[in-house]
C-alpha atoms as a PDB file:
ATOM      1  CA  MET A   1       0.000   0.000   0.000  1.00  0.00           C
ATOM      2  CA  ALA A   2       1.237   3.501  -0.855  1.00  0.00           C
ATOM      3  CA  ASP A   3       2.242   5.818   1.958  1.00  0.00           C
ATOM      4  CA  PRO A   4      -0.934   7.010   3.682  1.00  0.00           C
ATOM      5  CA  GLY A   5      -1.896  10.593   4.325  1.00  0.00           C
ATOM      6  CA  ILE A   6      -2.283  11.367   8.027  1.00  0.00           C
ATOM      7  CA  TRP A   7      -4.782  14.061   8.965  1.00  0.00           C
ATOM      8  CA  ARG A   8      -5.491  15.546  12.362  1.00  0.00           C
ATOM      9  CA  VAL A   9      -7.966  18.138  13.578  1.00  0.00           C
ATOM     10  CA  ARG A  10      -6.111  19.127  16.752  1.00  0.00           C
ATOM     11  CA  GLU A  11      -2.486  19.991  17.420  1.00  0.00           C
ATOM     12  CA  GLU A  12      -2.606  17.693  20.467  1.00  0.00           C
ATOM     13  CA  ALA A  13      -2.509  14.789  18.017  1.00  0.00           C
ATOM     14  CA  ALA A  14       0.763  15.977  16.442  1.00  0.00           C
ATOM     15  CA  PRO A  15       3.025  13.526  18.361  1.00  0.00           C
ATOM     16  CA  LEU A  16       0.838  10.601  17.349  1.00  0.00           C
ATOM     17  CA  ALA A  17       0.799  11.785  13.727  1.00  0.00           C
ATOM     18  CA  ALA A  18       4.578  12.082  13.753  1.00  0.00           C
ATOM     19  CA  HIS A  19       4.929   8.554  15.149  1.00  0.00           C
ATOM     20  CA  LEU A  20       2.662   7.148  12.440  1.00  0.00           C
ATOM     21  CA  ALA A  21       4.544   8.996   9.719  1.00  0.00           C
ATOM     22  CA  ALA A  22       7.882   7.720  11.016  1.00  0.00           C
ATOM     23  CA  THR A  23       6.810   4.086  11.395  1.00  0.00           C
ATOM     24  CA  LEU A  24       4.475   3.701   8.418  1.00  0.00           C
ATOM     25  CA  GLY A  25       6.178   6.077   6.006  1.00  0.00           C
ATOM     26  CA  GLY A  26       3.086   8.243   5.668  1.00  0.00           C
ATOM     27  CA  HIS A  27       2.791  11.991   5.153  1.00  0.00           C
ATOM     28  CA  SER A  28       1.483  13.963   8.116  1.00  0.00           C
ATOM     29  CA  TYR A  29      -0.405  17.165   7.337  1.00  0.00           C
ATOM     30  CA  PRO A  30      -0.512  20.078   9.780  1.00  0.00           C
ATOM     31  CA  ALA A  31      -3.912  20.853  11.226  1.00  0.00           C
ATOM     32  CA  PRO A  32      -5.359  23.850   9.332  1.00  0.00           C
ATOM     33  CA  ALA A  33      -7.148  26.412  11.438  1.00  0.00           C
ATOM     34  CA  ALA A  34     -10.886  25.887  11.849  1.00  0.00           C
ATOM     35  CA  PRO A  35     -13.235  26.199  10.051  1.00  0.00           C
ATOM     36  CA  SER A  36     -11.080  25.437   6.987  1.00  0.00           C
ATOM     37  CA  ASN A  37      -9.847  22.036   8.219  1.00  0.00           C
ATOM     38  CA  ARG A  38     -12.640  20.043   6.621  1.00  0.00           C
ATOM     39  CA  GLU A  39     -12.456  21.883   3.302  1.00  0.00           C
ATOM     40  CA  ALA A  40      -8.687  21.491   3.154  1.00  0.00           C
ATOM     41  CA  PHE A  41      -9.056  17.722   3.636  1.00  0.00           C
ATOM     42  CA  ARG A  42     -11.715  17.480   0.944  1.00  0.00           C
ATOM     43  CA  GLN A  43      -9.392  19.144  -1.568  1.00  0.00           C
ATOM     44  CA  LEU A  44      -6.631  16.648  -0.793  1.00  0.00           C
ATOM     45  CA  PHE A  45      -8.775  13.527  -0.430  1.00  0.00           C
ATOM     46  CA  HIS A  46      -7.726  11.930  -3.734  1.00  0.00           C
ATOM     47  CA  ARG A  47      -4.041  12.786  -3.346  1.00  0.00           C
ATOM     48  CA  HIS A  48      -3.477   9.580  -1.359  1.00  0.00           C
ATOM     49  CA  ARG A  49      -4.724   6.032  -1.854  1.00  0.00           C
ATOM     50  CA  ALA A  50      -5.061   5.689   1.921  1.00  0.00           C
ATOM     51  CA  TRP A  51      -5.767   7.977   4.860  1.00  0.00           C
ATOM     52  CA  ILE A  52      -5.359   7.753   8.611  1.00  0.00           C
ATOM     53  CA  LEU A  53      -7.722  10.237  10.245  1.00  0.00           C
ATOM     54  CA  LEU A  54      -6.855  11.163  13.841  1.00  0.00           C
ATOM     55  CA  MET A  55     -10.356  12.040  14.941  1.00  0.00           C
ATOM     56  CA  THR A  56     -13.602  10.506  16.101  1.00  0.00           C
ATOM     57  CA  THR A  57     -15.512   8.399  13.598  1.00  0.00           C
ATOM     58  CA  GLY A  58     -18.365  10.911  13.809  1.00  0.00           C
ATOM     59  CA  ILE A  59     -16.118  13.750  12.652  1.00  0.00           C
ATOM     60  CA  ALA A  60     -14.631  11.480   9.974  1.00  0.00           C
ATOM     61  CA  VAL A  61     -18.096  10.690   8.593  1.00  0.00           C
ATOM     62  CA  ARG A  62     -18.831  14.398   8.277  1.00  0.00           C
ATOM     63  CA  TYR A  63     -15.463  15.013   6.596  1.00  0.00           C
ATOM     64  CA  LEU A  64     -16.180  12.232   4.094  1.00  0.00           C
ATOM     65  CA  ASP A  65     -19.709  13.375   3.280  1.00  0.00           C
ATOM     66  CA  GLY A  66     -20.109  13.343  -0.505  1.00  0.00           C
ATOM     67  CA  LEU A  67     -16.547  12.201  -1.231  1.00  0.00           C
ATOM     68  CA  PRO A  68     -16.809   8.397  -1.622  1.00  0.00           C
ATOM     69  CA  GLN A  69     -17.809   7.315  -5.134  1.00  0.00           C
ATOM     70  CA  HIS A  70     -17.084   3.590  -5.549  1.00  0.00           C
ATOM     71  CA  LYS A  71     -15.426   0.879  -3.487  1.00  0.00           C
ATOM     72  CA  LEU A  72     -13.003   0.104  -6.311  1.00  0.00           C
ATOM     73  CA  THR A  73     -11.692   3.669  -6.548  1.00  0.00           C
ATOM     74  CA  ASP A  74     -12.192   5.255  -3.117  1.00  0.00           C
ATOM     75  CA  PRO A  75      -9.108   5.673  -0.919  1.00  0.00           C
ATOM     76  CA  ALA A  76      -8.849   3.481   2.149  1.00  0.00           C
ATOM     77  CA  VAL A  77      -9.743   5.334   5.332  1.00  0.00           C
ATOM     78  CA  VAL A  78      -8.842   4.334   8.879  1.00  0.00           C
ATOM     79  CA  THR A  79      -9.812   6.435  11.880  1.00  0.00           C
ATOM     80  CA  LEU A  80      -7.703   6.425  15.035  1.00  0.00           C
ATOM     81  CA  ASP A  81      -8.641   8.161  18.257  1.00  0.00           C
ATOM     82  CA  GLU A  82      -6.059  10.530  19.679  1.00  0.00           C
ATOM     83  CA  ALA A  83      -5.313   8.122  22.536  1.00  0.00           C
ATOM     84  CA  GLY A  84      -4.365   5.442  20.010  1.00  0.00           C
ATOM     85  CA  ARG A  85      -6.893   2.920  21.353  1.00  0.00           C
ATOM     86  CA  PHE A  86      -8.928   1.860  18.312  1.00  0.00           C
ATOM     87  CA  ALA A  87      -7.932   1.745  14.638  1.00  0.00           C
ATOM     88  CA  VAL A  88     -11.214   1.567  12.719  1.00  0.00           C
ATOM     89  CA  SER A  89     -11.386   0.431   9.102  1.00  0.00           C
ATOM     90  CA  LEU A  90     -14.000   2.931   7.925  1.00  0.00           C
ATOM     91  CA  LEU A  91     -13.922   3.029   4.114  1.00  0.00           C
ATOM     92  CA  SER A  92     -12.717   0.645   1.375  1.00  0.00           C
ATOM     93  CA  GLY A  93     -11.972  -2.197   3.750  1.00  0.00           C
ATOM     94  CA  HIS A  94     -11.241  -4.939   1.215  1.00  0.00           C
ATOM     95  CA  GLU A  95     -10.719  -3.339  -2.153  1.00  0.00           C
ATOM     96  CA  GLY A  96      -8.903  -0.263  -0.895  1.00  0.00           C
ATOM     97  CA  GLY A  97      -6.936  -2.001   1.830  1.00  0.00           C
ATOM     98  CA  ALA A  98      -8.347  -0.235   4.889  1.00  0.00           C
ATOM     99  CA  ASN A  99      -8.574  -3.533   6.778  1.00  0.00           C
ATOM    100  CA  GLU A 100      -4.881  -4.168   6.240  1.00  0.00           C
ATOM    101  CA  LEU A 101      -4.056  -0.567   7.135  1.00  0.00           C
ATOM    102  CA  ALA A 102      -6.014  -0.845  10.386  1.00  0.00           C
ATOM    103  CA  TYR A 103      -3.811  -3.763  11.425  1.00  0.00           C
ATOM    104  CA  ARG A 104      -0.665  -1.866  10.435  1.00  0.00           C
ATOM    105  CA  VAL A 105      -1.745   1.119  12.512  1.00  0.00           C
ATOM    106  CA  ALA A 106      -2.602  -1.167  15.406  1.00  0.00           C
ATOM    107  CA  ALA A 107       0.797  -2.854  15.221  1.00  0.00           C
ATOM    108  CA  VAL A 108       2.708   0.402  15.695  1.00  0.00           C
ATOM    109  CA  THR A 109       0.391   2.042  18.241  1.00  0.00           C
ATOM    110  CA  GLY A 110      -0.924  -0.839  20.348  1.00  0.00           C
ATOM    111  CA  ALA A 111      -4.472  -0.031  19.219  1.00  0.00           C
ATOM    112  CA  VAL A 112      -7.217  -2.602  18.758  1.00  0.00           C
ATOM    113  CA  PRO A 113      -7.928  -3.077  15.021  1.00  0.00           C
ATOM    114  CA  VAL A 114     -11.646  -2.741  14.322  1.00  0.00           C
ATOM    115  CA  VAL A 115     -12.767  -4.491  11.131  1.00  0.00           C
ATOM    116  CA  THR A 116     -16.481  -4.931  10.442  1.00  0.00           C
ATOM    117  CA  THR A 117     -16.584  -6.336   6.904  1.00  0.00           C
ATOM    118  CA  ALA A 118     -18.713  -9.463   6.650  1.00  0.00           C
ATOM    119  CA  THR A 119     -15.969 -11.708   5.280  1.00  0.00           C
ATOM    120  CA  GLU A 120     -13.915 -11.305   8.447  1.00  0.00           C
ATOM    121  CA  ALA A 121     -16.915 -11.321  10.763  1.00  0.00           C
ATOM    122  CA  LEU A 122     -17.893 -14.806   9.609  1.00  0.00           C
ATOM    123  CA  LYS A 123     -14.486 -16.342  10.240  1.00  0.00           C
ATOM    124  CA  PRO A 124     -14.523 -17.755  13.777  1.00  0.00           C
ATOM    125  CA  LEU A 125     -10.903 -18.795  14.342  1.00  0.00           C
ATOM    126  CA  VAL A 126      -7.902 -16.909  15.675  1.00  0.00           C
ATOM    127  CA  LEU A 127      -4.484 -18.534  15.584  1.00  0.00           C
ATOM    128  CA  GLY A 128      -1.977 -17.609  18.250  1.00  0.00           C
ATOM    129  CA  LEU A 129       1.575 -18.179  17.017  1.00  0.00           C
ATOM    130  CA  GLY A 130       4.929 -18.257  18.756  1.00  0.00           C
ATOM    131  CA  CYS A 131       8.165 -19.204  17.035  1.00  0.00           C
ATOM    132  CA  ARG A 132      11.928 -19.397  17.284  1.00  0.00           C
ATOM    133  CA  ARG A 133      13.909 -16.652  15.630  1.00  0.00           C
ATOM    134  CA  GLY A 134      14.573 -17.221  11.948  1.00  0.00           C
ATOM    135  CA  VAL A 135      11.722 -19.625  11.184  1.00  0.00           C
ATOM    136  CA  THR A 136      10.791 -19.936   7.533  1.00  0.00           C
ATOM    137  CA  PRO A 137       7.357 -19.409   5.990  1.00  0.00           C
ATOM    138  CA  ALA A 138       7.330 -23.148   5.232  1.00  0.00           C
ATOM    139  CA  GLN A 139       7.804 -23.979   8.915  1.00  0.00           C
ATOM    140  CA  VAL A 140       4.950 -21.656   9.898  1.00  0.00           C
ATOM    141  CA  ASP A 141       2.758 -23.126   7.182  1.00  0.00           C
ATOM    142  CA  ALA A 142       3.434 -26.684   8.273  1.00  0.00           C
ATOM    143  CA  ALA A 143       2.732 -25.913  11.923  1.00  0.00           C
ATOM    144  CA  ALA A 144      -0.477 -24.002  11.227  1.00  0.00           C
ATOM    145  CA  GLY A 145      -1.689 -26.702   8.860  1.00  0.00           C
ATOM    146  CA  ALA A 146      -0.973 -29.498  11.322  1.00  0.00           C
ATOM    147  CA  ALA A 147      -2.687 -27.632  14.169  1.00  0.00           C
ATOM    148  CA  LEU A 148      -5.801 -26.962  12.110  1.00  0.00           C
ATOM    149  CA  ALA A 149      -5.889 -30.559  10.877  1.00  0.00           C
ATOM    150  CA  ALA A 150      -5.791 -31.749  14.497  1.00  0.00           C
ATOM    151  CA  VAL A 151      -9.183 -30.124  15.088  1.00  0.00           C
ATOM    152  CA  SER A 152     -10.532 -30.773  11.579  1.00  0.00           C
ATOM    153  CA  ARG A 153     -10.570 -27.101  10.613  1.00  0.00           C
ATOM    154  CA  HIS A 154      -9.195 -25.148   7.668  1.00  0.00           C
ATOM    155  CA  LEU A 155      -7.155 -22.009   7.116  1.00  0.00           C
ATOM    156  CA  THR A 156     -10.108 -20.401   5.321  1.00  0.00           C
ATOM    157  CA  GLU A 157     -11.854 -20.213   8.713  1.00  0.00           C
ATOM    158  CA  VAL A 158      -9.065 -18.126  10.261  1.00  0.00           C
ATOM    159  CA  ARG A 159      -9.794 -14.447  10.827  1.00  0.00           C
ATOM    160  CA  GLU A 160      -6.414 -13.296  12.093  1.00  0.00           C
ATOM    161  CA  ILE A 161      -3.057 -14.348  13.490  1.00  0.00           C
ATOM    162  CA  ALA A 162      -1.948 -13.122  16.910  1.00  0.00           C
ATOM    163  CA  THR A 163       1.561 -13.006  18.320  1.00  0.00           C
ATOM    164  CA  ILE A 164       3.722 -11.132  20.818  1.00  0.00           C
ATOM    165  CA  ASP A 165       5.251  -7.747  19.993  1.00  0.00           C
ATOM    166  CA  LEU A 166       8.723  -9.290  20.044  1.00  0.00           C
ATOM    167  CA  LYS A 167       7.801 -11.043  16.789  1.00  0.00           C
ATOM    168  CA  ARG A 168       6.497  -8.002  14.912  1.00  0.00           C
ATOM    169  CA  HIS A 169       9.544  -8.108  12.590  1.00  0.00           C
ATOM    170  CA  GLU A 170       9.883 -11.890  12.233  1.00  0.00           C
ATOM    171  CA  ASP A 171      10.328 -12.240   8.463  1.00  0.00           C
ATOM    172  CA  GLY A 172       9.131 -15.820   8.153  1.00  0.00           C
ATOM    173  CA  LEU A 173       5.929 -15.093  10.042  1.00  0.00           C
ATOM    174  CA  LEU A 174       5.272 -11.848   8.162  1.00  0.00           C
ATOM    175  CA  THR A 175       5.873 -13.486   4.793  1.00  0.00           C
ATOM    176  CA  TRP A 176       3.553 -16.382   5.602  1.00  0.00           C
ATOM    177  CA  CYS A 177       0.788 -13.986   6.666  1.00  0.00           C
ATOM    178  CA  ARG A 178       1.167 -12.047   3.412  1.00  0.00           C
ATOM    179  CA  GLN A 179       1.124 -15.242   1.369  1.00  0.00           C
ATOM    180  CA  HIS A 180      -2.243 -16.180   2.869  1.00  0.00           C
ATOM    181  CA  ASP A 181      -3.654 -12.647   3.114  1.00  0.00           C
ATOM    182  CA  LEU A 182      -4.015 -12.971   6.885  1.00  0.00           C
ATOM    183  CA  PRO A 183      -3.755  -9.935   9.167  1.00  0.00           C
ATOM    184  CA  LEU A 184      -1.212 -10.118  11.975  1.00  0.00           C
ATOM    185  CA  ARG A 185      -2.408  -8.860  15.356  1.00  0.00           C
ATOM    186  CA  ILE A 186       0.451  -7.713  17.590  1.00  0.00           C
ATOM    187  CA  ILE A 187      -0.129  -8.195  21.327  1.00  0.00           C
ATOM    188  CA  ALA A 188       2.019  -6.247  23.779  1.00  0.00           C
ATOM    189  CA  ARG A 189       4.268  -8.320  26.002  1.00  0.00           C
ATOM    190  CA  ALA A 190       2.903  -6.467  29.046  1.00  0.00           C
ATOM    191  CA  ASP A 191      -0.648  -7.516  28.139  1.00  0.00           C
ATOM    192  CA  ILE A 192       0.415 -11.138  27.835  1.00  0.00           C
ATOM    193  CA  ARG A 193       2.279 -10.959  31.119  1.00  0.00           C
ATOM    194  CA  HIS A 194      -0.797  -9.632  32.910  1.00  0.00           C
ATOM    195  CA  ARG A 195      -3.130 -12.194  31.346  1.00  0.00           C
ATOM    196  CA  PRO A 196      -1.310 -15.449  32.064  1.00  0.00           C
ATOM    197  CA  TRP A 197      -3.568 -17.896  30.224  1.00  0.00           C
ATOM    198  CA  GLN A 198      -1.228 -20.795  29.753  1.00  0.00           C
ATOM    199  CA  HIS A 199      -1.921 -24.490  30.298  1.00  0.00           C
ATOM    200  CA  GLU A 200       1.748 -25.365  30.383  1.00  0.00           C
ATOM    201  CA  ALA A 201       4.287 -22.651  31.156  1.00  0.00           C
ATOM    202  CA  SER A 202       7.513 -22.673  29.163  1.00  0.00           C
ATOM    203  CA  ALA A 203      10.718 -21.975  31.074  1.00  0.00           C
ATOM    204  CA  TRP A 204      12.485 -21.340  27.748  1.00  0.00           C
ATOM    205  CA  VAL A 205       9.964 -18.667  26.732  1.00  0.00           C
ATOM    206  CA  GLU A 206       9.949 -17.192  30.236  1.00  0.00           C
ATOM    207  CA  GLN A 207      13.710 -16.800  30.157  1.00  0.00           C
ATOM    208  CA  ARG A 208      13.833 -15.168  26.731  1.00  0.00           C
ATOM    209  CA  ALA A 209      10.583 -13.211  26.559  1.00  0.00           C
ATOM    210  CA  GLY A 210       9.595 -12.699  30.167  1.00  0.00           C
ATOM    211  CA  VAL A 211       6.210 -14.402  29.741  1.00  0.00           C
ATOM    212  CA  ALA A 212       5.045 -17.934  30.478  1.00  0.00           C
ATOM    213  CA  GLY A 213       3.901 -18.500  26.912  1.00  0.00           C
ATOM    214  CA  VAL A 214       2.878 -16.745  23.716  1.00  0.00           C
ATOM    215  CA  CYS A 215       0.443 -18.596  21.476  1.00  0.00           C
ATOM    216  CA  GLU A 216      -2.393 -19.287  23.951  1.00  0.00           C
ATOM    217  CA  PRO A 217      -2.555 -15.878  25.664  1.00  0.00           C
ATOM    218  CA  ALA A 218      -2.070 -13.997  22.383  1.00  0.00           C
ATOM    219  CA  ALA A 219      -5.000 -15.800  20.759  1.00  0.00           C
ATOM    220  CA  LEU A 220      -7.247 -15.388  23.795  1.00  0.00           C
ATOM    221  CA  ILE A 221      -6.499 -11.684  24.090  1.00  0.00           C
ATOM    222  CA  ALA A 222      -7.267 -11.225  20.381  1.00  0.00           C
ATOM    223  CA  ALA A 223     -10.589 -13.074  20.799  1.00  0.00           C
ATOM    224  CA  PRO A 224     -11.618 -12.352  24.413  1.00  0.00           C
ATOM    225  CA  ARG A 225     -15.051 -13.990  24.228  1.00  0.00           C
ATOM    226  CA  GLY A 226     -13.675 -17.111  22.548  1.00  0.00           C
ATOM    227  CA  GLY A 227     -12.433 -20.369  24.008  1.00  0.00           C
ATOM    228  CA  LEU A 228      -9.440 -22.577  23.300  1.00  0.00           C
ATOM    229  CA  LEU A 229     -10.191 -25.060  20.564  1.00  0.00           C
ATOM    230  CA  LEU A 230      -6.603 -26.300  20.594  1.00  0.00           C
ATOM    231  CA  GLU A 231      -4.086 -25.834  23.373  1.00  0.00           C
ATOM    232  CA  LYS A 232      -0.444 -25.111  22.584  1.00  0.00           C
ATOM    233  CA  PHE A 233       0.630 -27.307  19.678  1.00  0.00           C
ATOM    234  CA  ASN A 234       4.360 -27.504  18.984  1.00  0.00           C
ATOM    235  CA  HIS A 235       5.702 -28.282  15.527  1.00  0.00           C
ATOM    236  CA  ASP A 236       9.238 -27.638  14.240  1.00  0.00           C
ATOM    237  CA  SER A 237      10.097 -24.470  16.213  1.00  0.00           C
ATOM    238  CA  VAL A 238       6.571 -23.040  15.921  1.00  0.00           C
ATOM    239  CA  SER A 239       3.845 -23.138  18.577  1.00  0.00           C
ATOM    240  CA  VAL A 240       0.192 -22.739  17.639  1.00  0.00           C
ATOM    241  CA  ALA A 241      -2.981 -22.303  19.683  1.00  0.00           C
ATOM    242  CA  ILE A 242      -6.453 -22.013  18.186  1.00  0.00           C
ATOM    243  CA  VAL A 243      -9.280 -19.990  19.700  1.00  0.00           C
ATOM    244  CA  GLU A 244     -12.815 -20.211  18.376  1.00  0.00           C
ATOM    245  CA  ASP A 245     -14.875 -17.051  18.638  1.00  0.00           C
ATOM    246  CA  PRO A 246     -18.630 -17.777  18.870  1.00  0.00           C
ATOM    247  CA  LEU A 247     -20.551 -16.119  16.056  1.00  0.00           C
ATOM    248  CA  TRP A 248     -23.661 -14.162  16.913  1.00  0.00           C
ATOM    249  CA  SER A 249     -25.916 -16.675  15.161  1.00  0.00           C
ATOM    250  CA  GLY A 250     -24.366 -19.441  17.214  1.00  0.00           C
ATOM    251  CA  TRP A 251     -24.758 -18.041  20.706  1.00  0.00           C
ATOM    252  CA  SER A 252     -27.505 -15.418  20.617  1.00  0.00           C
ATOM    253  CA  ALA A 253     -30.162 -18.093  21.091  1.00  0.00           C
ATOM    254  CA  CYS A 254     -28.715 -18.796  24.526  1.00  0.00           C
ATOM    255  CA  LEU A 255     -29.243 -15.242  25.769  1.00  0.00           C
END
């Protein structure tokens, strides 16, 4: 995806905009003085193929009023609150790449990626992955495939991959995710440490990462209302856990 434009409405968001520009390679625009901010954005809307809007979704909707034309040509738009809590894929989720951008923003800010497109919503599985340094895409593929086969499930049912922040630059894992068009959810080590869901603690992982385990807690944090379908499954330097998130149609009848 081309470098995104980064737009803010308040100067208080300048540090966050600068961080996004530095980590994602985007272009941060200064906040024009009100009331010209909205008009200035509208004039620049088609300059970028993707936008990160540092504002509430309500303000973003008003800024976008009348601008979107077609899902195949509209720029991707992700909104991020100024506290960096939620990265919302708002416009052109699939075709424009806003879903992918939301995960990229989340990975560098610690935000929760919010994706509401139906394709993702109907995929119930989250894979938590941990791995040794230097694993290959083939190793990740073999481990994920074996874990899914153990519970008679398929990769097409997987919504996202979750791992610890220490693995955000692991080439083999990143390449495998790209090969299968799967978003990678980065979970902060501190969050994993404070949510010690782990059936069998690993002294090796504890020594090197400071947490009792990676794959199980990462998957459960990514899908907090889900349950473990497969506990930690080790295969050739890769550990996999599978969490199944109940779909609304599957559990609403029990309410």
